[in-house]
Amino acid sequence: MNMQFLCAALACLACSAGAASAQQAPAQRYIDAQGVEIIQNRDAARPAQAAQPRAGAVRTAPAAAAAAADPKLQVSAAEQSARDLDRAAILREELAQEMRKFEAASKALVQGEQEARAQPQAGSALPRLKEILHTHQQNIEAISAELRRVPR
């Protein structure tokens, strides 16, 4: 038993010594060719600090900034306006469709409630109908919110 305890204590000591040496290692920071900052040997227990560029380090522009400057990837104001109009029309169509589904579901719920009153012993589909109605209501709210975000 003492031998097992001794082995366990040595294992814990070795792990803590390894962790201590890892915590003492300085964090190395550099920026790769795509402009991504890489941090190695950072201690998770310490809060992140601002990166200090090394002497002689070259700052490169991020790849996203270089890609945005490509004229093939830019959209004209007229084209964006046309896209926004198309988006608004599609959303209005989806909203009208969802409202029709909501009305049909509410009629089905009313009919289901009437049937449940007439035949209380029959298995009821009311919880499922209420769930469907609630889903359509959420969809209407989501589409309406999306429609409000479309630029005019």
C-alpha atoms as a PDB file:
ATOM      1  CA  MET A   1       0.000   0.000   0.000  1.00  0.00           C
ATOM      2  CA  ASN A   2       2.843   2.385   0.825  1.00  0.00           C
ATOM      3  CA  MET A   3       4.390   1.627  -2.557  1.00  0.00           C
ATOM      4  CA  GLN A   4       1.138   2.581  -4.340  1.00  0.00           C
ATOM      5  CA  PHE A   5       0.902   5.783  -2.323  1.00  0.00           C
ATOM      6  CA  LEU A   6       4.527   6.615  -3.135  1.00  0.00           C
ATOM      7  CA  CYS A   7       3.954   6.037  -6.881  1.00  0.00           C
ATOM      8  CA  ALA A   8       0.830   8.206  -6.843  1.00  0.00           C
ATOM      9  CA  ALA A   9       2.653  10.985  -4.985  1.00  0.00           C
ATOM     10  CA  LEU A  10       5.547  10.881  -7.457  1.00  0.00           C
ATOM     11  CA  ALA A  11       3.122  11.012 -10.394  1.00  0.00           C
ATOM     12  CA  CYS A  12       1.369  14.059  -8.909  1.00  0.00           C
ATOM     13  CA  LEU A  13       4.700  15.738  -8.257  1.00  0.00           C
ATOM     14  CA  ALA A  14       5.845  15.118 -11.824  1.00  0.00           C
ATOM     15  CA  CYS A  15       2.598  16.518 -13.233  1.00  0.00           C
ATOM     16  CA  SER A  16       2.754  19.640 -11.087  1.00  0.00           C
ATOM     17  CA  ALA A  17       6.397  20.211 -12.014  1.00  0.00           C
ATOM     18  CA  GLY A  18       5.508  19.924 -15.697  1.00  0.00           C
ATOM     19  CA  ALA A  19       2.606  22.326 -15.277  1.00  0.00           C
ATOM     20  CA  ALA A  20       4.793  24.796 -13.405  1.00  0.00           C
ATOM     21  CA  SER A  21       7.419  24.761 -16.134  1.00  0.00           C
ATOM     22  CA  ALA A  22       4.709  25.231 -18.778  1.00  0.00           C
ATOM     23  CA  GLN A  23       3.363  28.225 -16.853  1.00  0.00           C
ATOM     24  CA  GLN A  24       6.798  29.785 -16.677  1.00  0.00           C
ATOM     25  CA  ALA A  25       7.396  29.518 -20.435  1.00  0.00           C
ATOM     26  CA  PRO A  26       6.925  32.908 -22.103  1.00  0.00           C
ATOM     27  CA  ALA A  27       4.140  33.282 -24.621  1.00  0.00           C
ATOM     28  CA  GLN A  28       5.384  33.635 -28.169  1.00  0.00           C
ATOM     29  CA  ARG A  29       3.329  35.779 -30.506  1.00  0.00           C
ATOM     30  CA  TYR A  30       3.649  36.199 -34.220  1.00  0.00           C
ATOM     31  CA  ILE A  31       1.509  37.064 -37.229  1.00  0.00           C
ATOM     32  CA  ASP A  32       1.374  34.616 -40.128  1.00  0.00           C
ATOM     33  CA  ALA A  33       1.147  35.459 -43.843  1.00  0.00           C
ATOM     34  CA  GLN A  34      -2.666  35.765 -43.719  1.00  0.00           C
ATOM     35  CA  GLY A  35      -2.530  38.296 -40.893  1.00  0.00           C
ATOM     36  CA  VAL A  36      -3.654  35.869 -38.181  1.00  0.00           C
ATOM     37  CA  GLU A  37      -2.042  36.373 -34.796  1.00  0.00           C
ATOM     38  CA  ILE A  38      -0.689  33.119 -33.361  1.00  0.00           C
ATOM     39  CA  ILE A  39       0.026  32.783 -29.635  1.00  0.00           C
ATOM     40  CA  GLN A  40       1.979  29.802 -28.362  1.00  0.00           C
ATOM     41  CA  ASN A  41       2.543  28.708 -24.745  1.00  0.00           C
ATOM     42  CA  ARG A  42      -0.095  31.059 -23.381  1.00  0.00           C
ATOM     43  CA  ASP A  43      -1.183  30.345 -19.822  1.00  0.00           C
ATOM     44  CA  ALA A  44      -4.972  30.052 -19.724  1.00  0.00           C
ATOM     45  CA  ALA A  45      -5.093  31.215 -16.092  1.00  0.00           C
ATOM     46  CA  ARG A  46      -3.755  34.670 -16.914  1.00  0.00           C
ATOM     47  CA  PRO A  47      -5.966  37.189 -18.721  1.00  0.00           C
ATOM     48  CA  ALA A  48      -5.091  37.839 -22.349  1.00  0.00           C
ATOM     49  CA  GLN A  49      -2.939  40.880 -22.923  1.00  0.00           C
ATOM     50  CA  ALA A  50      -2.517  42.975 -26.022  1.00  0.00           C
ATOM     51  CA  ALA A  51      -0.003  41.578 -28.480  1.00  0.00           C
ATOM     52  CA  GLN A  52       3.269  43.459 -28.662  1.00  0.00           C
ATOM     53  CA  PRO A  53       4.945  43.147 -32.051  1.00  0.00           C
ATOM     54  CA  ARG A  54       8.540  42.005 -31.973  1.00  0.00           C
ATOM     55  CA  ALA A  55      11.254  44.375 -33.068  1.00  0.00           C
ATOM     56  CA  GLY A  56      11.597  44.102 -36.823  1.00  0.00           C
ATOM     57  CA  ALA A  57       8.267  42.323 -37.211  1.00  0.00           C
ATOM     58  CA  VAL A  58       6.371  43.254 -40.338  1.00  0.00           C
ATOM     59  CA  ARG A  59       2.685  43.998 -40.036  1.00  0.00           C
ATOM     60  CA  THR A  60       0.748  42.530 -42.927  1.00  0.00           C
ATOM     61  CA  ALA A  61      -2.776  43.424 -43.981  1.00  0.00           C
ATOM     62  CA  PRO A  62      -5.362  40.758 -43.241  1.00  0.00           C
ATOM     63  CA  ALA A  63      -6.454  38.660 -46.198  1.00  0.00           C
ATOM     64  CA  ALA A  64     -10.058  39.849 -45.817  1.00  0.00           C
ATOM     65  CA  ALA A  65      -9.026  43.469 -46.372  1.00  0.00           C
ATOM     66  CA  ALA A  66      -7.080  42.503 -49.481  1.00  0.00           C
ATOM     67  CA  ALA A  67     -10.036  40.516 -50.824  1.00  0.00           C
ATOM     68  CA  ALA A  68     -12.458  43.403 -50.246  1.00  0.00           C
ATOM     69  CA  ALA A  69     -10.308  45.643 -52.413  1.00  0.00           C
ATOM     70  CA  ASP A  70     -10.837  43.322 -55.406  1.00  0.00           C
ATOM     71  CA  PRO A  71     -13.265  45.163 -57.741  1.00  0.00           C
ATOM     72  CA  LYS A  72     -14.796  41.875 -58.950  1.00  0.00           C
ATOM     73  CA  LEU A  73     -16.077  41.250 -55.420  1.00  0.00           C
ATOM     74  CA  GLN A  74     -17.640  44.673 -54.930  1.00  0.00           C
ATOM     75  CA  VAL A  75     -21.337  45.303 -55.570  1.00  0.00           C
ATOM     76  CA  SER A  76     -22.615  48.557 -56.999  1.00  0.00           C
ATOM     77  CA  ALA A  77     -25.203  50.565 -55.089  1.00  0.00           C
ATOM     78  CA  ALA A  78     -27.827  49.964 -57.785  1.00  0.00           C
ATOM     79  CA  GLU A  79     -27.250  46.203 -57.716  1.00  0.00           C
ATOM     80  CA  GLN A  80     -27.438  46.136 -53.910  1.00  0.00           C
ATOM     81  CA  SER A  81     -30.668  48.132 -54.010  1.00  0.00           C
ATOM     82  CA  ALA A  82     -32.135  45.634 -56.498  1.00  0.00           C
ATOM     83  CA  ARG A  83     -31.078  42.761 -54.242  1.00  0.00           C
ATOM     84  CA  ASP A  84     -32.723  44.451 -51.256  1.00  0.00           C
ATOM     85  CA  LEU A  85     -35.967  44.889 -53.215  1.00  0.00           C
ATOM     86  CA  ASP A  86     -35.904  41.224 -54.252  1.00  0.00           C
ATOM     87  CA  ARG A  87     -35.250  40.197 -50.665  1.00  0.00           C
ATOM     88  CA  ALA A  88     -38.149  42.309 -49.398  1.00  0.00           C
ATOM     89  CA  ALA A  89     -40.501  40.836 -52.024  1.00  0.00           C
ATOM     90  CA  ILE A  90     -39.469  37.286 -51.114  1.00  0.00           C
ATOM     91  CA  LEU A  91     -39.970  37.998 -47.409  1.00  0.00           C
ATOM     92  CA  ARG A  92     -43.426  39.519 -48.012  1.00  0.00           C
ATOM     93  CA  GLU A  93     -44.390  36.427 -50.013  1.00  0.00           C
ATOM     94  CA  GLU A  94     -43.141  34.134 -47.237  1.00  0.00           C
ATOM     95  CA  LEU A  95     -45.024  36.204 -44.656  1.00  0.00           C
ATOM     96  CA  ALA A  96     -48.292  35.935 -46.606  1.00  0.00           C
ATOM     97  CA  GLN A  97     -47.809  32.182 -46.985  1.00  0.00           C
ATOM     98  CA  GLU A  98     -47.081  31.755 -43.275  1.00  0.00           C
ATOM     99  CA  MET A  99     -50.171  33.820 -42.369  1.00  0.00           C
ATOM    100  CA  ARG A 100     -52.320  31.518 -44.537  1.00  0.00           C
ATOM    101  CA  LYS A 101     -50.835  28.504 -42.737  1.00  0.00           C
ATOM    102  CA  PHE A 102     -51.511  30.184 -39.367  1.00  0.00           C
ATOM    103  CA  GLU A 103     -55.170  30.777 -40.275  1.00  0.00           C
ATOM    104  CA  ALA A 104     -55.582  27.173 -41.434  1.00  0.00           C
ATOM    105  CA  ALA A 105     -53.974  25.890 -38.225  1.00  0.00           C
ATOM    106  CA  SER A 106     -56.193  28.100 -36.046  1.00  0.00           C
ATOM    107  CA  LYS A 107     -59.307  26.804 -37.865  1.00  0.00           C
ATOM    108  CA  ALA A 108     -58.094  23.230 -37.334  1.00  0.00           C
ATOM    109  CA  LEU A 109     -57.554  23.978 -33.644  1.00  0.00           C
ATOM    110  CA  VAL A 110     -61.085  25.382 -33.247  1.00  0.00           C
ATOM    111  CA  GLN A 111     -62.501  22.332 -35.009  1.00  0.00           C
ATOM    112  CA  GLY A 112     -60.385  20.023 -32.826  1.00  0.00           C
ATOM    113  CA  GLU A 113     -61.632  21.750 -29.670  1.00  0.00           C
ATOM    114  CA  GLN A 114     -65.237  21.319 -30.803  1.00  0.00           C
ATOM    115  CA  GLU A 115     -64.646  17.625 -31.506  1.00  0.00           C
ATOM    116  CA  ALA A 116     -62.967  17.192 -28.114  1.00  0.00           C
ATOM    117  CA  ARG A 117     -66.027  18.681 -26.398  1.00  0.00           C
ATOM    118  CA  ALA A 118     -68.354  16.424 -28.367  1.00  0.00           C
ATOM    119  CA  GLN A 119     -66.314  13.256 -27.731  1.00  0.00           C
ATOM    120  CA  PRO A 120     -64.186  13.675 -24.603  1.00  0.00           C
ATOM    121  CA  GLN A 121     -63.114  10.008 -24.542  1.00  0.00           C
ATOM    122  CA  ALA A 122     -61.512  10.124 -28.024  1.00  0.00           C
ATOM    123  CA  GLY A 123     -57.747  10.694 -28.303  1.00  0.00           C
ATOM    124  CA  SER A 124     -57.088  14.370 -28.674  1.00  0.00           C
ATOM    125  CA  ALA A 125     -54.742  15.978 -31.172  1.00  0.00           C
ATOM    126  CA  LEU A 126     -55.092  19.357 -29.461  1.00  0.00           C
ATOM    127  CA  PRO A 127     -51.544  19.553 -28.067  1.00  0.00           C
ATOM    128  CA  ARG A 128     -50.092  18.915 -31.526  1.00  0.00           C
ATOM    129  CA  LEU A 129     -52.430  21.483 -33.115  1.00  0.00           C
ATOM    130  CA  LYS A 130     -51.443  24.061 -30.490  1.00  0.00           C
ATOM    131  CA  GLU A 131     -47.773  23.344 -31.166  1.00  0.00           C
ATOM    132  CA  ILE A 132     -48.278  23.814 -34.918  1.00  0.00           C
ATOM    133  CA  LEU A 133     -50.137  27.070 -34.312  1.00  0.00           C
ATOM    134  CA  HIS A 134     -47.361  28.304 -32.023  1.00  0.00           C
ATOM    135  CA  THR A 135     -44.715  27.415 -34.632  1.00  0.00           C
ATOM    136  CA  HIS A 136     -46.546  29.417 -37.315  1.00  0.00           C
ATOM    137  CA  GLN A 137     -46.855  32.347 -34.912  1.00  0.00           C
ATOM    138  CA  GLN A 138     -43.104  32.277 -34.242  1.00  0.00           C
ATOM    139  CA  ASN A 139     -42.389  32.084 -37.981  1.00  0.00           C
ATOM    140  CA  ILE A 140     -44.594  35.126 -38.601  1.00  0.00           C
ATOM    141  CA  GLU A 141     -42.745  37.077 -35.897  1.00  0.00           C
ATOM    142  CA  ALA A 142     -39.340  36.061 -37.290  1.00  0.00           C
ATOM    143  CA  ILE A 143     -40.219  36.958 -40.884  1.00  0.00           C
ATOM    144  CA  SER A 144     -41.707  40.286 -39.748  1.00  0.00           C
ATOM    145  CA  ALA A 145     -38.522  41.094 -37.838  1.00  0.00           C
ATOM    146  CA  GLU A 146     -36.411  40.192 -40.870  1.00  0.00           C
ATOM    147  CA  LEU A 147     -38.611  42.359 -43.068  1.00  0.00           C
ATOM    148  CA  ARG A 148     -38.066  45.319 -40.712  1.00  0.00           C
ATOM    149  CA  ARG A 149     -34.296  44.902 -41.124  1.00  0.00           C
ATOM    150  CA  VAL A 150     -34.417  45.197 -44.924  1.00  0.00           C
ATOM    151  CA  PRO A 151     -33.023  48.584 -46.016  1.00  0.00           C
ATOM    152  CA  ARG A 152     -35.582  50.810 -47.712  1.00  0.00           C
END
